[in-house]
């Protein structure tokens, strides 16, 4: 996966967080739905920060990550529309916010699982490297023992 996708996801993530912070307390009708979305985003803030700082590349389909980016960008637009909607039209946005929350929960869950999978794969790789190093060290000890016995016999 390209680092560009990580940057785009992080940008969309922070935009969505900022949008929710701006309107959460202003529009009481949407406070529960925006609170749920904010809670989902808060739980993933450390992961997004780590990905950005490390320019971490995750294994997995770019489609899912692209869907995540698009969903967050659409969320920013939805929140903007909610904040500008007239009092009588706001009710139609409640279900859309609930669906946004569910979709983000699912997509961000996938992202967490990909990160977890990457950690497990990294651990397996480290164990394999450790085994190879132990074999090499064992061969060096045997060669050193053989070399010193040859020197002693000469």
N, C-alpha and C. Protein backbone atom coordinates (compact mmCIF):
# COMPACT_ATOMS: atom_id res chain seq x y z
N UNK A 1 0.84 -1.17 0.00
CA UNK A 1 0.00 0.00 0.00
C UNK A 1 0.88 1.23 0.00
N UNK A 2 0.51 2.21 -0.72
CA UNK A 2 1.29 3.43 -0.83
C UNK A 2 1.14 4.28 0.41
N UNK A 3 2.22 4.97 0.76
CA UNK A 3 2.22 5.87 1.90
C UNK A 3 1.22 7.00 1.66
N UNK A 4 0.97 7.32 0.41
CA UNK A 4 0.02 8.37 0.06
C UNK A 4 -1.36 8.05 0.64
N UNK A 5 -1.75 6.79 0.61
CA UNK A 5 -3.05 6.40 1.15
C UNK A 5 -3.09 6.67 2.65
N UNK A 6 -2.01 6.38 3.36
CA UNK A 6 -1.96 6.64 4.80
C UNK A 6 -2.14 8.13 5.04
N UNK A 7 -1.46 8.96 4.26
CA UNK A 7 -1.59 10.42 4.42
C UNK A 7 -3.01 10.88 4.16
N UNK A 8 -3.64 10.33 3.13
CA UNK A 8 -5.01 10.71 2.80
C UNK A 8 -5.99 10.26 3.89
N UNK A 9 -5.76 9.06 4.43
CA UNK A 9 -6.62 8.57 5.51
C UNK A 9 -6.46 9.46 6.74
N UNK A 10 -5.22 9.79 7.08
CA UNK A 10 -4.97 10.64 8.25
C UNK A 10 -5.61 12.02 8.06
N UNK A 11 -5.49 12.57 6.88
CA UNK A 11 -6.08 13.88 6.60
C UNK A 11 -7.60 13.84 6.75
N UNK A 12 -8.23 12.82 6.16
CA UNK A 12 -9.68 12.68 6.26
C UNK A 12 -10.10 12.44 7.71
N UNK A 13 -9.31 11.65 8.43
CA UNK A 13 -9.60 11.35 9.83
C UNK A 13 -9.63 12.63 10.65
N UNK A 14 -8.57 13.45 10.53
CA UNK A 14 -8.49 14.68 11.32
C UNK A 14 -9.57 15.67 10.91
N UNK A 15 -9.92 15.71 9.64
CA UNK A 15 -11.00 16.59 9.18
C UNK A 15 -12.32 16.18 9.81
N UNK A 16 -12.58 14.89 9.86
CA UNK A 16 -13.81 14.39 10.46
C UNK A 16 -13.85 14.69 11.96
N UNK A 17 -12.72 14.47 12.63
CA UNK A 17 -12.64 14.79 14.07
C UNK A 17 -12.93 16.26 14.31
N UNK A 18 -12.33 17.13 13.51
CA UNK A 18 -12.54 18.58 13.66
C UNK A 18 -13.99 18.95 13.40
N UNK A 19 -14.59 18.35 12.38
CA UNK A 19 -15.99 18.66 12.05
C UNK A 19 -16.91 18.29 13.20
N UNK A 20 -16.67 17.13 13.78
CA UNK A 20 -17.51 16.68 14.90
C UNK A 20 -17.33 17.60 16.10
N UNK A 21 -16.09 17.97 16.40
CA UNK A 21 -15.85 18.87 17.54
C UNK A 21 -16.57 20.19 17.36
N UNK A 22 -16.60 20.69 16.13
CA UNK A 22 -17.21 21.99 15.87
C UNK A 22 -18.72 21.99 16.07
N UNK A 23 -19.39 20.91 15.71
CA UNK A 23 -20.85 20.93 15.73
C UNK A 23 -21.49 20.09 16.82
N UNK A 24 -20.73 19.27 17.50
CA UNK A 24 -21.31 18.32 18.45
C UNK A 24 -22.18 19.00 19.51
N UNK A 25 -21.70 20.06 20.09
CA UNK A 25 -22.45 20.72 21.16
C UNK A 25 -23.42 21.78 20.63
N UNK A 26 -23.32 22.12 19.36
CA UNK A 26 -24.20 23.13 18.78
C UNK A 26 -25.55 22.54 18.35
N UNK A 27 -25.53 21.29 17.90
CA UNK A 27 -26.76 20.69 17.38
C UNK A 27 -27.16 19.55 18.33
N UNK A 28 -28.01 19.87 19.27
CA UNK A 28 -28.39 18.90 20.30
C UNK A 28 -29.11 17.70 19.72
N UNK A 29 -29.81 17.88 18.62
CA UNK A 29 -30.56 16.78 18.02
C UNK A 29 -29.64 15.63 17.59
N UNK A 30 -28.42 15.96 17.20
CA UNK A 30 -27.48 14.97 16.69
C UNK A 30 -26.42 14.57 17.73
N UNK A 31 -26.51 15.11 18.91
CA UNK A 31 -25.47 14.87 19.91
C UNK A 31 -25.19 13.38 20.16
N UNK A 32 -26.21 12.52 20.32
CA UNK A 32 -25.91 11.09 20.56
C UNK A 32 -25.17 10.43 19.38
N UNK A 33 -25.62 10.72 18.17
CA UNK A 33 -25.00 10.12 16.99
C UNK A 33 -23.58 10.64 16.79
N UNK A 34 -23.40 11.94 16.95
CA UNK A 34 -22.06 12.51 16.82
C UNK A 34 -21.15 12.02 17.94
N UNK A 35 -21.72 11.82 19.12
CA UNK A 35 -20.94 11.28 20.24
C UNK A 35 -20.44 9.87 19.95
N UNK A 36 -21.30 9.06 19.35
CA UNK A 36 -20.90 7.69 18.99
C UNK A 36 -19.78 7.70 17.95
N UNK A 37 -19.92 8.55 16.96
CA UNK A 37 -18.88 8.64 15.91
C UNK A 37 -17.58 9.14 16.53
N UNK A 38 -17.67 10.16 17.39
CA UNK A 38 -16.48 10.69 18.03
C UNK A 38 -15.79 9.64 18.89
N UNK A 39 -16.59 8.84 19.59
CA UNK A 39 -16.03 7.77 20.42
C UNK A 39 -15.25 6.77 19.57
N UNK A 40 -15.81 6.41 18.42
CA UNK A 40 -15.12 5.50 17.49
C UNK A 40 -13.80 6.11 17.05
N UNK A 41 -13.84 7.38 16.68
CA UNK A 41 -12.62 8.05 16.22
C UNK A 41 -11.60 8.21 17.34
N UNK A 42 -12.07 8.51 18.56
CA UNK A 42 -11.15 8.65 19.69
C UNK A 42 -10.39 7.36 19.97
N UNK A 43 -11.08 6.24 19.82
CA UNK A 43 -10.41 4.97 20.10
C UNK A 43 -9.35 4.64 19.05
N UNK A 44 -9.45 5.26 17.90
CA UNK A 44 -8.48 5.00 16.84
C UNK A 44 -7.44 6.10 16.65
N UNK A 45 -7.53 7.15 17.43
CA UNK A 45 -6.55 8.24 17.31
C UNK A 45 -5.11 7.74 17.47
N UNK A 46 -4.81 6.90 18.47
CA UNK A 46 -3.43 6.43 18.60
C UNK A 46 -2.95 5.65 17.37
N UNK A 47 -3.82 4.85 16.78
CA UNK A 47 -3.45 4.08 15.59
C UNK A 47 -3.17 5.00 14.41
N UNK A 48 -4.00 6.00 14.21
CA UNK A 48 -3.79 6.94 13.10
C UNK A 48 -2.49 7.71 13.31
N UNK A 49 -2.24 8.14 14.55
CA UNK A 49 -0.99 8.86 14.84
C UNK A 49 0.23 7.97 14.55
N UNK A 50 0.17 6.73 14.99
CA UNK A 50 1.28 5.80 14.77
C UNK A 50 1.50 5.56 13.28
N UNK A 51 0.42 5.35 12.56
CA UNK A 51 0.53 5.12 11.11
C UNK A 51 1.18 6.31 10.43
N UNK A 52 0.77 7.52 10.84
CA UNK A 52 1.30 8.73 10.23
C UNK A 52 2.78 8.92 10.58
N UNK A 53 3.12 8.75 11.86
CA UNK A 53 4.49 8.95 12.29
C UNK A 53 5.45 7.94 11.66
N UNK A 54 5.02 6.72 11.57
CA UNK A 54 5.88 5.66 11.05
C UNK A 54 5.72 5.47 9.55
N UNK A 55 4.77 6.21 8.97
CA UNK A 55 4.42 5.97 7.57
C UNK A 55 4.22 4.48 7.35
N UNK A 56 3.53 3.91 8.32
CA UNK A 56 3.30 2.47 8.36
C UNK A 56 2.51 2.00 7.15
N UNK A 57 2.98 0.94 6.57
CA UNK A 57 2.26 0.35 5.45
C UNK A 57 1.58 -0.91 5.95
N UNK A 58 0.31 -1.03 5.65
CA UNK A 58 -0.46 -2.19 6.08
C UNK A 58 -0.69 -3.11 4.90
N UNK A 59 -0.65 -4.38 5.18
CA UNK A 59 -1.02 -5.34 4.16
C UNK A 59 -2.53 -5.38 4.10
N UNK A 60 -3.02 -5.57 2.94
CA UNK A 60 -4.46 -5.66 2.79
C UNK A 60 -4.90 -4.91 1.57
N UNK A 61 -6.11 -5.14 1.19
CA UNK A 61 -6.62 -4.51 -0.01
C UNK A 61 -6.69 -3.00 0.12
N UNK A 62 -6.15 -2.30 -0.88
CA UNK A 62 -6.22 -0.85 -0.89
C UNK A 62 -7.66 -0.39 -0.99
N UNK A 63 -8.56 -1.24 -1.52
CA UNK A 63 -9.97 -0.89 -1.67
C UNK A 63 -10.58 -0.53 -0.32
N UNK A 64 -10.31 -1.36 0.69
CA UNK A 64 -10.87 -1.11 2.01
C UNK A 64 -10.35 0.19 2.59
N UNK A 65 -9.08 0.45 2.41
CA UNK A 65 -8.50 1.68 2.93
C UNK A 65 -9.02 2.89 2.16
N UNK A 66 -9.21 2.73 0.88
CA UNK A 66 -9.77 3.80 0.07
C UNK A 66 -11.23 4.04 0.48
N UNK A 67 -11.98 2.97 0.76
CA UNK A 67 -13.36 3.12 1.24
C UNK A 67 -13.40 3.87 2.57
N UNK A 68 -12.44 3.58 3.43
CA UNK A 68 -12.35 4.26 4.71
C UNK A 68 -12.13 5.76 4.50
N UNK A 69 -11.20 6.09 3.62
CA UNK A 69 -10.92 7.50 3.34
C UNK A 69 -12.16 8.19 2.79
N UNK A 70 -12.80 7.55 1.83
CA UNK A 70 -13.99 8.14 1.21
C UNK A 70 -15.12 8.30 2.23
N UNK A 71 -15.29 7.30 3.07
CA UNK A 71 -16.36 7.36 4.09
C UNK A 71 -16.11 8.52 5.05
N UNK A 72 -14.87 8.72 5.45
CA UNK A 72 -14.56 9.83 6.35
C UNK A 72 -14.78 11.17 5.66
N UNK A 73 -14.38 11.27 4.40
CA UNK A 73 -14.60 12.52 3.66
C UNK A 73 -16.09 12.78 3.48
N UNK A 74 -16.87 11.74 3.19
CA UNK A 74 -18.32 11.89 3.08
C UNK A 74 -18.92 12.27 4.43
N UNK A 75 -18.32 11.76 5.51
CA UNK A 75 -18.78 12.12 6.85
C UNK A 75 -18.59 13.59 7.14
N UNK A 76 -17.47 14.14 6.70
CA UNK A 76 -17.22 15.57 6.88
C UNK A 76 -18.31 16.37 6.16
N UNK A 77 -18.60 15.97 4.94
CA UNK A 77 -19.64 16.65 4.15
C UNK A 77 -21.02 16.50 4.81
N UNK A 78 -21.34 15.32 5.30
CA UNK A 78 -22.62 15.08 5.96
C UNK A 78 -22.76 15.97 7.20
N UNK A 79 -21.70 16.07 7.97
CA UNK A 79 -21.75 16.90 9.18
C UNK A 79 -21.91 18.37 8.82
N UNK A 80 -21.26 18.78 7.75
CA UNK A 80 -21.42 20.16 7.27
C UNK A 80 -22.88 20.42 6.90
N UNK A 81 -23.49 19.46 6.18
CA UNK A 81 -24.89 19.60 5.79
C UNK A 81 -25.81 19.62 7.01
N UNK A 82 -25.50 18.78 7.98
CA UNK A 82 -26.31 18.75 9.20
C UNK A 82 -26.30 20.10 9.91
N UNK A 83 -25.14 20.70 9.94
CA UNK A 83 -25.01 21.97 10.66
C UNK A 83 -25.73 23.11 9.96
N UNK A 84 -25.92 22.99 8.65
CA UNK A 84 -26.56 24.05 7.88
C UNK A 84 -28.04 23.79 7.60
N UNK A 85 -28.51 22.60 7.90
CA UNK A 85 -29.89 22.25 7.59
C UNK A 85 -30.87 23.04 8.46
N UNK A 86 -32.00 23.32 7.89
CA UNK A 86 -33.03 24.01 8.66
C UNK A 86 -33.56 23.06 9.73
N UNK A 87 -34.22 23.63 10.69
CA UNK A 87 -34.72 22.87 11.82
C UNK A 87 -35.62 21.72 11.38
N UNK A 88 -36.40 21.92 10.33
CA UNK A 88 -37.36 20.92 9.89
C UNK A 88 -36.71 19.82 9.04
N UNK A 89 -35.56 20.07 8.49
CA UNK A 89 -34.91 19.06 7.65
C UNK A 89 -33.87 18.23 8.41
N UNK A 90 -33.58 18.63 9.61
CA UNK A 90 -32.54 17.93 10.37
C UNK A 90 -32.89 16.48 10.68
N UNK A 91 -34.16 16.19 10.83
CA UNK A 91 -34.58 14.83 11.19
C UNK A 91 -34.12 13.81 10.14
N UNK A 92 -34.03 14.22 8.87
CA UNK A 92 -33.64 13.27 7.82
C UNK A 92 -32.17 12.87 7.91
N UNK A 93 -31.40 13.63 8.66
CA UNK A 93 -29.97 13.33 8.78
C UNK A 93 -29.65 12.37 9.92
N UNK A 94 -30.56 12.14 10.82
CA UNK A 94 -30.30 11.26 11.97
C UNK A 94 -29.90 9.86 11.50
N UNK A 95 -30.71 9.26 10.61
CA UNK A 95 -30.38 7.91 10.13
C UNK A 95 -29.07 7.88 9.35
N UNK A 96 -28.79 8.93 8.61
CA UNK A 96 -27.54 8.98 7.86
C UNK A 96 -26.34 9.03 8.80
N UNK A 97 -26.47 9.74 9.91
CA UNK A 97 -25.39 9.78 10.89
C UNK A 97 -25.21 8.42 11.57
N UNK A 98 -26.31 7.75 11.87
CA UNK A 98 -26.23 6.41 12.47
C UNK A 98 -25.52 5.47 11.50
N UNK A 99 -25.88 5.52 10.23
CA UNK A 99 -25.24 4.66 9.22
C UNK A 99 -23.76 5.01 9.07
N UNK A 100 -23.43 6.29 9.13
CA UNK A 100 -22.02 6.69 9.06
C UNK A 100 -21.26 6.09 10.24
N UNK A 101 -21.83 6.15 11.42
CA UNK A 101 -21.18 5.57 12.60
C UNK A 101 -20.93 4.08 12.46
N UNK A 102 -21.94 3.36 11.97
CA UNK A 102 -21.80 1.91 11.78
C UNK A 102 -20.74 1.60 10.73
N UNK A 103 -20.76 2.33 9.64
CA UNK A 103 -19.80 2.10 8.57
C UNK A 103 -18.38 2.37 9.03
N UNK A 104 -18.19 3.47 9.75
CA UNK A 104 -16.86 3.79 10.27
C UNK A 104 -16.40 2.72 11.26
N UNK A 105 -17.32 2.26 12.09
CA UNK A 105 -16.97 1.22 13.07
C UNK A 105 -16.45 -0.02 12.34
N UNK A 106 -17.15 -0.42 11.28
CA UNK A 106 -16.76 -1.61 10.53
C UNK A 106 -15.43 -1.39 9.81
N UNK A 107 -15.29 -0.28 9.12
CA UNK A 107 -14.06 -0.02 8.36
C UNK A 107 -12.86 0.19 9.28
N UNK A 108 -13.06 0.88 10.38
CA UNK A 108 -11.95 1.10 11.31
C UNK A 108 -11.60 -0.19 12.05
N UNK A 109 -12.58 -1.06 12.25
CA UNK A 109 -12.29 -2.39 12.81
C UNK A 109 -11.39 -3.19 11.89
N UNK A 110 -11.65 -3.08 10.60
CA UNK A 110 -10.79 -3.74 9.60
C UNK A 110 -9.37 -3.21 9.70
N UNK A 111 -9.24 -1.90 9.83
CA UNK A 111 -7.92 -1.29 9.94
C UNK A 111 -7.18 -1.78 11.18
N UNK A 112 -7.89 -1.89 12.30
CA UNK A 112 -7.26 -2.43 13.51
C UNK A 112 -6.80 -3.87 13.31
N UNK A 113 -7.64 -4.66 12.66
CA UNK A 113 -7.28 -6.07 12.43
C UNK A 113 -6.06 -6.17 11.51
N UNK A 114 -5.98 -5.30 10.52
CA UNK A 114 -4.81 -5.31 9.63
C UNK A 114 -3.55 -4.96 10.41
N UNK A 115 -3.67 -4.00 11.32
CA UNK A 115 -2.53 -3.65 12.16
C UNK A 115 -2.13 -4.80 13.07
N UNK A 116 -3.12 -5.46 13.63
CA UNK A 116 -2.86 -6.62 14.50
C UNK A 116 -2.21 -7.75 13.70
N UNK A 117 -2.72 -7.98 12.50
CA UNK A 117 -2.17 -9.02 11.63
C UNK A 117 -0.71 -8.70 11.30
N UNK A 118 -0.43 -7.43 11.03
CA UNK A 118 0.94 -7.02 10.73
C UNK A 118 1.88 -7.27 11.90
N UNK A 119 1.39 -7.03 13.12
CA UNK A 119 2.20 -7.30 14.32
C UNK A 119 2.51 -8.79 14.45
N UNK A 120 1.49 -9.61 14.23
CA UNK A 120 1.69 -11.06 14.33
C UNK A 120 2.69 -11.53 13.27
N UNK A 121 2.55 -11.02 12.05
CA UNK A 121 3.48 -11.42 10.99
C UNK A 121 4.89 -10.95 11.31
N UNK A 122 5.01 -9.77 11.90
CA UNK A 122 6.32 -9.28 12.31
C UNK A 122 6.94 -10.15 13.37
N UNK A 123 6.15 -10.60 14.32
CA UNK A 123 6.64 -11.48 15.38
C UNK A 123 7.12 -12.81 14.81
N UNK A 124 6.38 -13.36 13.86
CA UNK A 124 6.79 -14.62 13.22
C UNK A 124 8.12 -14.42 12.50
N UNK A 125 8.26 -13.29 11.80
CA UNK A 125 9.51 -13.01 11.09
C UNK A 125 10.68 -12.88 12.06
N UNK A 126 10.46 -12.22 13.17
CA UNK A 126 11.52 -12.07 14.18
C UNK A 126 11.93 -13.43 14.72
N UNK A 127 10.98 -14.29 14.96
CA UNK A 127 11.30 -15.64 15.47
C UNK A 127 12.11 -16.43 14.45
N UNK A 128 11.75 -16.31 13.18
CA UNK A 128 12.51 -17.01 12.14
C UNK A 128 13.94 -16.48 12.06
N UNK A 129 14.09 -15.19 12.15
CA UNK A 129 15.43 -14.59 12.12
C UNK A 129 16.22 -15.04 13.33
N UNK A 130 15.57 -15.08 14.47
CA UNK A 130 16.24 -15.54 15.69
C UNK A 130 16.74 -16.97 15.54
N UNK A 131 15.94 -17.85 14.95
CA UNK A 131 16.36 -19.23 14.72
C UNK A 131 17.56 -19.30 13.79
N UNK A 132 17.56 -18.51 12.74
CA UNK A 132 18.68 -18.49 11.80
C UNK A 132 19.94 -18.00 12.49
N UNK A 133 19.82 -16.96 13.32
CA UNK A 133 20.98 -16.42 14.05
C UNK A 133 21.54 -17.48 15.00
N UNK A 134 20.67 -18.21 15.67
CA UNK A 134 21.14 -19.27 16.58
C UNK A 134 21.88 -20.36 15.81
N UNK A 135 21.37 -20.72 14.63
CA UNK A 135 22.06 -21.72 13.81
C UNK A 135 23.43 -21.22 13.36
N UNK A 136 23.48 -19.97 12.96
CA UNK A 136 24.77 -19.39 12.53
C UNK A 136 25.74 -19.36 13.70
N UNK A 137 25.27 -18.93 14.86
CA UNK A 137 26.13 -18.91 16.04
C UNK A 137 26.63 -20.30 16.38
N UNK A 138 25.74 -21.30 16.26
CA UNK A 138 26.12 -22.68 16.52
C UNK A 138 27.19 -23.15 15.55
N UNK A 139 27.07 -22.80 14.28
CA UNK A 139 28.07 -23.16 13.28
C UNK A 139 29.41 -22.49 13.56
N UNK A 140 29.37 -21.24 14.02
CA UNK A 140 30.61 -20.53 14.33
C UNK A 140 31.33 -21.18 15.50
N UNK A 141 30.57 -21.60 16.52
CA UNK A 141 31.17 -22.26 17.68
C UNK A 141 31.82 -23.57 17.26
N UNK A 142 31.12 -24.34 16.42
CA UNK A 142 31.67 -25.62 15.94
C UNK A 142 32.93 -25.36 15.13
N UNK A 143 32.91 -24.38 14.25
CA UNK A 143 34.08 -24.07 13.44
C UNK A 143 35.23 -23.58 14.30
N UNK A 144 34.95 -22.77 15.30
CA UNK A 144 36.00 -22.29 16.20
C UNK A 144 36.59 -23.45 16.99
N UNK A 145 35.77 -24.38 17.45
CA UNK A 145 36.25 -25.55 18.18
C UNK A 145 37.12 -26.42 17.28
N UNK A 146 36.70 -26.60 16.03
CA UNK A 146 37.49 -27.41 15.09
C UNK A 146 38.80 -26.71 14.76
N UNK A 147 38.78 -25.40 14.61
CA UNK A 147 39.99 -24.65 14.29
C UNK A 147 40.98 -24.71 15.45
N UNK A 148 40.51 -24.58 16.66
CA UNK A 148 41.41 -24.60 17.80
C UNK A 148 41.96 -26.00 18.04
N UNK A 149 41.20 -27.05 17.74
CA UNK A 149 41.73 -28.39 17.93
C UNK A 149 42.78 -28.68 16.85
N UNK A 150 42.59 -28.13 15.67
CA UNK A 150 43.60 -28.33 14.61
C UNK A 150 44.88 -27.61 15.00
N UNK A 151 44.76 -26.42 15.55
CA UNK A 151 45.94 -25.65 15.93
C UNK A 151 46.67 -26.36 17.07
N UNK A 152 45.96 -26.93 18.01
CA UNK A 152 46.58 -27.60 19.14
C UNK A 152 47.32 -28.86 18.69
N UNK A 153 46.83 -29.55 17.70
CA UNK A 153 47.44 -30.80 17.25
C UNK A 153 48.66 -30.51 16.38
N UNK A 154 48.82 -29.39 15.84
CA UNK A 154 49.89 -29.12 14.91
C UNK A 154 51.19 -28.95 15.54
